[in-house]
Amino acid sequence: CSSARRGKKDMDFSSSSSSSSSDAPPLPVVNSSEWVRESFPSWEVTTAEGEEPPVLLREWSFYERRAAVQVEKITNEFVFPSAGGGRASSSLLTLFTLLVVTSYLFFMAATDKYKRSPETVGPAWLANLVRRASSFMMGNVLGIRWSMELDLTSFLKKKEGALVCVSPHGAYPVTSVFCAMPALRCDYAGEEEIKVRVAAASILFYVPVLREYLLLFGGRDASKETIERLVTNACVVAVNPGGVREMVLQRSDKEVVYVQANLGLFKLAVRFKTPLIIIYAFGENQMFTSYPQRFLQLRSFLADSLRVGLPYVSGRFGLSLGVFPVVPHPGTCTHVGADKFVAVFDDDDDAVALYHRYAKALIALFDAHKDRLLPPDVARKGLDVVWIGHPDDSYLSHSSPPPPPRRRTRD
């Protein structure tokens, strides 16, 4: 009776599927019971007493058809998905994403050395192509007009290193990164090339796409060891004296330049007897509207502890995501260089004396161009040069607030 029912069940299944025999898988010649036991050990396969397991020559048994359906389903969904399979597409997308991320991590590890290298990265044609795209984005899309009044060849000799003090940093230095850096890479290329390198925060070299952009246009890690290596290899190294602290304290209604408490940049200049070239970016602070008092304690803690600068700003149309503005304001920015560099005069010169000469030269450069290149209400307030933690050695215009207190710093 049991055998008859089972035979009827197999017969029904065979007859129902005979109409679609063209869609059925090819007919194997296997021992059905052994095949099912090996492939699906959790299934129970029984035969009638004294009956030999059937050998399939022309038709699939009930169990093999059931197994084939399951295998085909798994294959179609996860291995060779069909065009309409949602789960299959999601699985393939996940696999592809993992492959891309893994490949990029290997690429980052292989190119990590270049963020400390004085050598030029990337071909000149690629740099010129990216520069054109960057200029189009800044000028035609964002409405930012940029120019540079500076000629490094007028006071630099071939194969002679120097330190360039670029101020102010700005909330996010969009014109310095997307306008000035490409110009310095492309305009000073050739046989008499001056290798201009720009010190950038270490965290930026972990941001995909941005790290490749920085490496292409001379961006290098802003660590002390890297800057020393660049200077000794006759590179012109652009550094911001205020660093991440200036990003946190930046103001759009008042021009303030900050200098780190340890005077690390000036100590380096005294040690290697390199000249200081002064550049002021008129209009950089006005690219975003800043709110320096919002979450100031938290942002200052992150800057001092993790070396991460997070300004609180808004951009065009007042759009803002807090520390991440959407787009900058349209406007004009001009990088102006001083006519003369600040030199280290003798072996007895120290970093403090060099800082004072730098501050006076910076204020003189600012006063000479402020009325021409800044909004009247900003130019009228003057420039403050603040040595963090040393209010007596800071240069403040009247009615300016006291400088911030000194915090933990790193040499």
Foldseek 3Di string as FASTA:
>chain_A
DVQVVQVVVQVVVFVVCVVVVVPDDDWDFDQVVVVCCVVPVVDDDDDPPPDDRDTDDDDDGPSVVVVVVVVVVCCCQDPVDDPPRPNNVVNVVVVVVVVVVVVVVVVLVVCVCLLLDLDADDDLVVLVVLLVVLCCCQCVPQQEAEEEADDPVVPDAALAEAEEAEDDCALDQSCCLSPVLSCLQNVQDDPSRAREAEADDPVQCVDPPSVVSNRNSRYHHNDPVSVLVNNVRSHYYYYHQCALVCSLQQALQEAEGEHEQVLSVLQSCLVVQHWYKYKYKQCRNQQWHFDNVPCVVVQVCCCAPVVDHFTQTEAPPRADPGSGYDGTHNDYIYIYIDPDIQGDDDNPDHSLVSVLVVVVSNQVVCLVCVVPRHDPSHSVLGYKYYYAQCQVSIRHGPPDDGHHHHDDHDD
